[in-house]
Amino acid sequence: VVVVVVVLCGAGLLAIRVFLPAEKNTERKKMANMPANLEARVSSAAAGASSSSSAAALAHKRAAAQTAPPAQKAGMWAVVFLHQAFCLAWLVKAFSYTDCTWLTVLIGVVGGTIFTDGLSTLTHFALDNYGTEDTPIVGLPIHYFREHHHHPLSMLKRDFVENTWTECLYTDLILCTAAVLGASGSALGCVWFAVAGFWGGQITAIHKASHSGRPAAFYRVLQKMGLIISHTYHSKHHKQFNSHHSLVIGIVDRVFARLHLLQLLESTIYLLTGAIAIHSTIGLAPPARATLGERVQHLKWLLWYRVFDWITAQQHLELRFMNWGYHKTPAPGAQQNN
């Protein structure tokens, strides 16, 4: 099974590279044919406006004739079906072990969910901020993520298979890697990656549900139970694109925010490579091609500015730094000081 999935994943990734220009052109044509007010109308639907059903129906009717060609659609179905079978195989193998208990299953379900939640957060952060559409292997996801910021409702025009087949491919690569590393040698590992694989194949569907005025019943129930991200949560990401990156449940994202881990990650990437995040979480905006010494100075002063802001906020002082490389918006009415 692993060999078959590896071969299919390799063929799928090659297909991504071959069909990437066509995918981009198709997407741009779809957006060009959309009425100027369509996204606004469906956005109001996602926010719970009174015209939600009619606006969402208009979006889906508009896209009914814009689905993938039959041959390509059949390939997408095959990828999704094999992914689900692969996840099921992991789960079945788990119950073949004598040490498989309900506690093991519970730990595996929770661990696999949190694992995928964290991975989705880091992946979303990376695809939003680093690389280009021409980056090998991940160019297509980068294209979709960046395009999504400009046209957040374009995914409503694609059905479940068209939205999820790429995630299934990438998730299968992770599952194959886990199998090679021996994760399938225990009941806990099998349950863990079966659940992780399930959520990995659902990421875009969950994402779509967070934009839909009335998502499918399955996702609507999960949203009400707090098991997947809601429209309220995800809408915060679309305000500045530098927070609320989770595309599964949102737990790990809150931990990252509490511990400032994404800021630390961005600082480390900048320090080591000089790459600047497109949507900076630390307000970093230095000139290009800075030397290592200059990057150290940038981060040192940025840290001091943040510490200073935190101290003045604790003391209720209306003081703000206004200096090179730091563009945090001051509080309304606050007095700025150099």
Protein backbone atom coordinates (compact mmCIF):
# COMPACT_ATOMS: atom_id res chain seq x y z
CA VAL A 1 0.00 0.00 0.00
CA VAL A 2 2.82 2.39 0.90
CA VAL A 3 4.57 1.76 -2.43
CA VAL A 4 1.36 2.36 -4.38
CA VAL A 5 0.60 5.58 -2.54
CA VAL A 6 4.19 6.83 -2.96
CA VAL A 7 3.99 6.21 -6.72
CA LEU A 8 0.61 7.94 -6.94
CA CYS A 9 1.82 10.87 -4.87
CA GLY A 10 4.89 11.26 -7.06
CA ALA A 11 2.78 11.17 -10.20
CA GLY A 12 0.33 13.62 -8.66
CA LEU A 13 3.06 16.08 -7.71
CA LEU A 14 4.47 15.91 -11.24
CA ALA A 15 0.96 16.56 -12.55
CA ILE A 16 0.74 19.61 -10.29
CA ARG A 17 3.83 21.04 -11.89
CA VAL A 18 2.54 20.26 -15.40
CA PHE A 19 -0.97 21.65 -14.90
CA LEU A 20 -0.04 24.57 -12.62
CA PRO A 21 -0.12 27.25 -15.39
CA ALA A 22 -3.47 25.93 -16.62
CA GLU A 23 -4.86 25.94 -13.06
CA LYS A 24 -3.78 29.56 -12.57
CA ASN A 25 -5.21 30.71 -15.91
CA THR A 26 -8.50 28.89 -15.24
CA GLU A 27 -8.77 30.53 -11.83
CA ARG A 28 -8.08 33.98 -13.24
CA LYS A 29 -10.69 33.48 -15.97
CA LYS A 30 -13.26 32.48 -13.36
CA MET A 31 -12.54 35.60 -11.32
CA ALA A 32 -12.72 37.77 -14.45
CA ASN A 33 -16.18 36.40 -15.22
CA MET A 34 -17.51 37.03 -11.72
CA PRO A 35 -19.79 40.03 -11.19
CA ALA A 36 -18.03 42.76 -9.26
CA ASN A 37 -20.48 42.57 -6.36
CA LEU A 38 -20.68 38.77 -6.10
CA GLU A 39 -18.02 38.35 -3.42
CA ALA A 40 -19.52 41.13 -1.35
CA ARG A 41 -22.92 39.47 -1.58
CA VAL A 42 -21.61 36.09 -0.54
CA SER A 43 -19.47 37.69 2.20
CA SER A 44 -22.65 39.08 3.68
CA ALA A 45 -24.00 35.55 3.49
CA ALA A 46 -21.05 34.24 5.52
CA ALA A 47 -21.68 36.95 8.07
CA GLY A 48 -25.24 35.76 8.45
CA ALA A 49 -26.99 38.37 6.37
CA SER A 50 -30.61 37.88 5.50
CA SER A 51 -29.82 37.18 1.84
CA SER A 52 -27.41 34.34 2.71
CA SER A 53 -29.22 31.50 0.93
CA SER A 54 -29.82 33.38 -2.32
CA ALA A 55 -26.28 34.80 -2.47
CA ALA A 56 -24.64 31.44 -1.83
CA ALA A 57 -26.95 29.79 -4.37
CA LEU A 58 -25.99 32.44 -6.92
CA ALA A 59 -22.29 31.68 -6.36
CA HIS A 60 -22.77 27.96 -6.85
CA LYS A 61 -25.00 28.36 -9.92
CA ARG A 62 -22.47 30.74 -11.42
CA ALA A 63 -19.76 28.09 -11.06
CA ALA A 64 -21.80 25.05 -12.06
CA ALA A 65 -20.32 24.97 -15.56
CA GLN A 66 -16.77 25.79 -14.43
CA THR A 67 -15.76 22.45 -12.94
CA ALA A 68 -12.67 20.47 -13.93
CA PRO A 69 -12.66 18.39 -17.17
CA PRO A 70 -14.00 14.82 -16.73
CA ALA A 71 -10.59 13.12 -17.02
CA GLN A 72 -8.99 15.47 -14.50
CA LYS A 73 -11.99 15.14 -12.20
CA ALA A 74 -11.69 11.34 -12.30
CA GLY A 75 -8.05 11.63 -11.27
CA MET A 76 -9.02 13.89 -8.36
CA TRP A 77 -11.65 11.37 -7.23
CA ALA A 78 -9.03 8.60 -7.37
CA VAL A 79 -6.60 10.60 -5.23
CA VAL A 80 -9.26 11.40 -2.62
CA PHE A 81 -10.56 7.81 -2.54
CA LEU A 82 -7.07 6.32 -2.13
CA HIS A 83 -6.31 8.83 0.61
CA GLN A 84 -9.39 7.81 2.58
CA ALA A 85 -8.50 4.14 2.06
CA PHE A 86 -4.96 4.79 3.25
CA CYS A 87 -6.25 6.45 6.46
CA LEU A 88 -8.66 3.56 7.01
CA ALA A 89 -5.79 1.09 6.57
CA TRP A 90 -3.89 2.83 9.38
CA LEU A 91 -6.93 2.61 11.64
CA VAL A 92 -7.60 -1.06 10.86
CA LYS A 93 -3.97 -1.90 11.56
CA ALA A 94 -4.24 -0.20 14.96
CA PHE A 95 -6.95 -2.63 16.08
CA SER A 96 -4.79 -5.57 15.05
CA TYR A 97 -2.42 -4.85 17.95
CA THR A 98 -3.12 -6.49 21.30
CA ASP A 99 -2.18 -3.31 23.20
CA CYS A 100 -4.93 -1.30 21.47
CA THR A 101 -7.22 -0.02 24.23
CA TRP A 102 -9.83 2.71 24.33
CA LEU A 103 -7.33 4.91 26.17
CA THR A 104 -4.86 4.37 23.33
CA VAL A 105 -7.54 5.31 20.81
CA LEU A 106 -8.48 8.44 22.79
CA ILE A 107 -4.87 9.60 23.06
CA GLY A 108 -4.35 8.91 19.37
CA VAL A 109 -7.46 10.84 18.34
CA VAL A 110 -6.54 13.87 20.45
CA GLY A 111 -2.87 13.72 19.50
CA GLY A 112 -3.56 13.29 15.79
CA THR A 113 -6.00 16.20 15.80
CA ILE A 114 -3.58 18.53 17.60
CA PHE A 115 -0.73 17.38 15.36
CA THR A 116 -2.64 18.31 12.20
CA ASP A 117 -3.88 21.53 13.78
CA GLY A 118 -0.31 22.59 14.51
CA LEU A 119 0.94 21.50 11.11
CA SER A 120 -1.86 23.42 9.38
CA THR A 121 -0.97 26.54 11.38
CA LEU A 122 2.71 26.38 10.44
CA THR A 123 1.95 25.49 6.81
CA HIS A 124 -0.55 28.33 6.46
CA PHE A 125 1.93 30.78 7.97
CA ALA A 126 4.70 29.58 5.63
CA LEU A 127 2.62 29.58 2.43
CA ASP A 128 1.23 33.03 3.18
CA ASN A 129 4.63 34.57 3.78
CA TYR A 130 7.44 32.73 2.02
CA GLY A 131 8.14 31.39 -1.48
CA THR A 132 6.43 32.18 -4.79
CA GLU A 133 4.05 30.47 -7.17
CA ASP A 134 7.09 29.12 -9.02
CA THR A 135 8.54 27.39 -5.95
CA PRO A 136 8.99 23.66 -6.72
CA ILE A 137 6.43 21.22 -5.24
CA VAL A 138 4.52 23.84 -3.18
CA GLY A 139 3.94 26.40 -5.93
CA LEU A 140 0.29 25.42 -6.43
CA PRO A 141 -0.68 25.69 -2.74
CA ILE A 142 1.13 29.04 -2.56
CA HIS A 143 -0.87 30.23 -5.56
CA TYR A 144 -4.17 29.20 -3.99
CA PHE A 145 -3.35 30.73 -0.60
CA ARG A 146 -2.23 34.07 -2.07
CA GLU A 147 -5.12 34.15 -4.54
CA HIS A 148 -7.48 33.40 -1.67
CA HIS A 149 -6.49 36.63 0.08
CA HIS A 150 -7.64 38.63 -2.95
CA HIS A 151 -10.67 36.48 -3.77
CA PRO A 152 -11.62 34.71 -0.53
CA LEU A 153 -14.80 33.19 -1.95
CA SER A 154 -13.39 31.62 -5.09
CA MET A 155 -13.20 28.28 -3.27
CA LEU A 156 -17.00 28.27 -3.06
CA LYS A 157 -17.01 27.65 -6.81
CA ARG A 158 -15.17 24.33 -6.42
CA ASP A 159 -16.70 21.15 -5.02
CA PHE A 160 -15.27 18.92 -2.29
CA VAL A 161 -13.01 16.86 -4.56
CA GLU A 162 -11.62 19.86 -6.46
CA ASN A 163 -10.84 21.56 -3.17
CA THR A 164 -9.28 18.66 -1.29
CA TRP A 165 -7.32 16.50 -3.74
CA THR A 166 -4.06 18.44 -3.36
CA GLU A 167 -4.23 18.26 0.45
CA CYS A 168 -4.79 14.51 0.15
CA LEU A 169 -1.59 14.17 -1.90
CA TYR A 170 0.54 16.13 0.54
CA THR A 171 -1.00 14.36 3.52
CA ASP A 172 -0.26 10.97 1.96
CA LEU A 173 3.38 11.98 1.63
CA ILE A 174 3.44 12.67 5.37
CA LEU A 175 1.73 9.36 6.12
CA CYS A 176 4.20 7.49 3.92
CA THR A 177 7.10 9.19 5.68
CA ALA A 178 5.61 8.27 9.06
CA ALA A 179 5.23 4.64 7.93
CA VAL A 180 8.84 4.48 6.76
CA LEU A 181 9.98 5.90 10.11
CA GLY A 182 8.09 3.14 11.95
CA ALA A 183 5.03 5.00 13.21
CA SER A 184 2.84 2.09 12.11
CA GLY A 185 4.59 -0.24 14.55
CA SER A 186 2.24 0.51 17.43
CA ALA A 187 -1.48 0.95 18.00
CA LEU A 188 -0.98 4.51 19.22
CA GLY A 189 1.01 5.47 16.14
CA CYS A 190 -1.57 3.96 13.81
CA VAL A 191 -4.51 5.75 15.42
CA TRP A 192 -2.52 8.98 15.65
CA PHE A 193 -1.70 9.12 11.94
CA ALA A 194 -5.07 7.75 10.84
CA VAL A 195 -6.74 10.71 12.55
CA ALA A 196 -4.03 13.13 11.38
CA GLY A 197 -4.53 11.89 7.83
CA PHE A 198 -8.30 12.32 8.06
CA TRP A 199 -8.02 15.94 9.20
CA GLY A 200 -5.27 16.60 6.67
CA GLY A 201 -7.60 15.63 3.84
CA GLN A 202 -10.34 17.87 5.27
CA ILE A 203 -8.36 21.11 5.63
CA THR A 204 -9.69 22.90 2.55
CA ALA A 205 -13.23 21.66 3.21
CA ILE A 206 -13.02 23.09 6.74
CA HIS A 207 -11.59 26.29 5.30
CA LYS A 208 -14.44 26.49 2.81
CA ALA A 209 -16.99 25.94 5.58
CA SER A 210 -15.54 28.92 7.49
CA HIS A 211 -16.38 31.13 4.47
CA SER A 212 -19.76 29.64 3.60
CA GLY A 213 -22.99 31.21 4.74
CA ARG A 214 -24.47 27.76 5.26
CA PRO A 215 -21.87 24.98 5.18
CA ALA A 216 -22.74 21.31 4.79
CA ALA A 217 -24.47 19.78 7.81
CA PHE A 218 -21.39 17.78 8.86
CA TYR A 219 -19.19 20.86 9.08
CA ARG A 220 -21.95 22.99 10.57
CA VAL A 221 -22.31 20.53 13.46
CA LEU A 222 -18.54 20.44 14.01
CA GLN A 223 -18.46 24.24 14.06
CA LYS A 224 -21.21 24.40 16.68
CA MET A 225 -19.32 21.82 18.77
CA GLY A 226 -16.13 23.88 18.50
CA LEU A 227 -14.27 21.03 16.80
CA ILE A 228 -13.33 23.03 13.69
CA ILE A 229 -12.70 26.72 13.08
CA SER A 230 -15.71 28.99 12.66
CA HIS A 231 -16.39 31.98 10.43
CA THR A 232 -15.82 34.29 13.40
CA TYR A 233 -12.38 32.83 14.05
CA HIS A 234 -11.21 32.76 10.43
CA SER A 235 -12.51 36.23 9.59
CA LYS A 236 -9.89 37.61 11.99
CA HIS A 237 -7.17 36.17 9.77
CA HIS A 238 -8.51 38.09 6.77
CA LYS A 239 -8.17 41.43 8.53
CA GLN A 240 -4.35 41.57 8.43
CA PHE A 241 -3.29 38.02 7.42
CA ASN A 242 -0.76 37.80 10.26
CA SER A 243 -2.73 35.89 12.89
CA HIS A 244 -5.32 33.09 13.29
CA HIS A 245 -3.57 30.75 10.84
CA SER A 246 -5.13 27.47 11.97
CA LEU A 247 -7.25 25.60 9.43
CA VAL A 248 -8.47 22.78 11.66
CA ILE A 249 -9.53 23.42 15.26
CA GLY A 250 -7.55 26.49 16.33
CA ILE A 251 -6.11 25.19 19.62
CA VAL A 252 -2.44 25.18 18.64
CA ASP A 253 -2.78 28.62 17.10
CA ARG A 254 -3.87 30.00 20.47
CA VAL A 255 -0.88 28.37 22.16
CA PHE A 256 1.44 29.83 19.52
CA ALA A 257 -0.07 33.29 20.07
CA ARG A 258 0.28 32.99 23.84
CA LEU A 259 3.95 32.01 23.61
CA HIS A 260 4.73 34.26 20.60
CA LEU A 261 6.10 31.24 18.74
CA LEU A 262 5.28 32.52 15.25
CA GLN A 263 7.09 35.76 16.03
CA LEU A 264 10.07 33.73 17.22
CA LEU A 265 9.93 31.61 14.07
CA GLU A 266 9.75 34.65 11.82
CA SER A 267 12.66 36.27 13.64
CA THR A 268 14.75 33.11 13.32
CA ILE A 269 14.02 32.79 9.58
CA TYR A 270 14.91 36.44 9.05
CA LEU A 271 18.09 36.18 11.09
CA LEU A 272 19.32 33.05 9.30
CA THR A 273 18.19 33.74 5.74
CA GLY A 274 17.24 37.41 5.48
CA ALA A 275 13.79 36.42 4.16
CA ILE A 276 11.07 38.86 5.22
CA ALA A 277 7.53 37.63 5.84
CA ILE A 278 4.96 39.19 3.51
CA HIS A 279 2.56 39.65 6.43
CA SER A 280 4.98 40.23 9.27
CA THR A 281 3.91 39.24 12.77
CA ILE A 282 6.57 41.49 14.36
CA GLY A 283 6.24 44.63 12.24
CA LEU A 284 9.50 43.97 10.40
CA ALA A 285 10.11 46.18 7.37
CA PRO A 286 13.87 46.62 6.86
CA PRO A 287 15.62 47.29 3.56
CA ALA A 288 16.46 44.31 1.38
CA ARG A 289 19.81 42.47 1.40
CA ALA A 290 20.72 43.28 4.98
CA THR A 291 23.86 41.67 6.32
CA LEU A 292 23.78 39.30 9.27
CA GLY A 293 25.00 42.07 11.59
CA GLU A 294 22.30 44.42 10.34
CA ARG A 295 19.63 41.76 10.83
CA VAL A 296 20.78 41.26 14.42
CA GLN A 297 20.45 45.01 14.99
CA HIS A 298 16.97 45.06 13.41
CA LEU A 299 15.73 42.32 15.70
CA LYS A 300 17.42 43.79 18.76
CA TRP A 301 15.69 47.13 18.37
CA LEU A 302 12.39 45.57 17.39
CA LEU A 303 12.48 43.55 20.61
CA TRP A 304 13.23 46.68 22.61
CA TYR A 305 10.37 48.56 20.96
CA ARG A 306 7.97 45.78 21.88
CA VAL A 307 9.22 45.60 25.46
CA PHE A 308 8.94 49.38 25.75
CA ASP A 309 5.38 49.31 24.39
CA TRP A 310 4.46 46.54 26.84
CA ILE A 311 5.88 48.47 29.81
CA THR A 312 4.11 51.71 28.87
CA ALA A 313 0.84 49.81 28.34
CA GLN A 314 1.14 48.24 31.80
CA GLN A 315 1.74 51.67 33.33
CA HIS A 316 -1.05 53.26 31.23
CA LEU A 317 1.40 55.71 29.65
CA GLU A 318 0.50 57.09 26.24
CA LEU A 319 3.99 56.68 24.81
CA ARG A 320 5.00 55.06 21.54
CA PHE A 321 8.25 54.68 19.64
CA MET A 322 8.18 55.82 16.06
CA ASN A 323 11.35 54.53 14.44
CA TRP A 324 12.76 52.83 11.32
CA GLY A 325 11.77 49.22 10.78
CA TYR A 326 8.79 49.18 13.13
CA HIS A 327 5.31 49.97 11.88
CA LYS A 328 2.97 48.90 14.65
CA THR A 329 -0.10 51.13 14.58
CA PRO A 330 -0.25 53.25 17.76
CA ALA A 331 -3.32 53.34 19.93
CA PRO A 332 -5.91 55.95 18.90
CA GLY A 333 -5.11 59.30 20.46
CA ALA A 334 -1.73 58.15 21.76
CA GLN A 335 1.13 60.64 21.75
CA GLN A 336 4.13 59.45 19.71
CA ASN A 337 7.66 60.09 20.91
CA ASN A 338 11.04 59.37 19.38
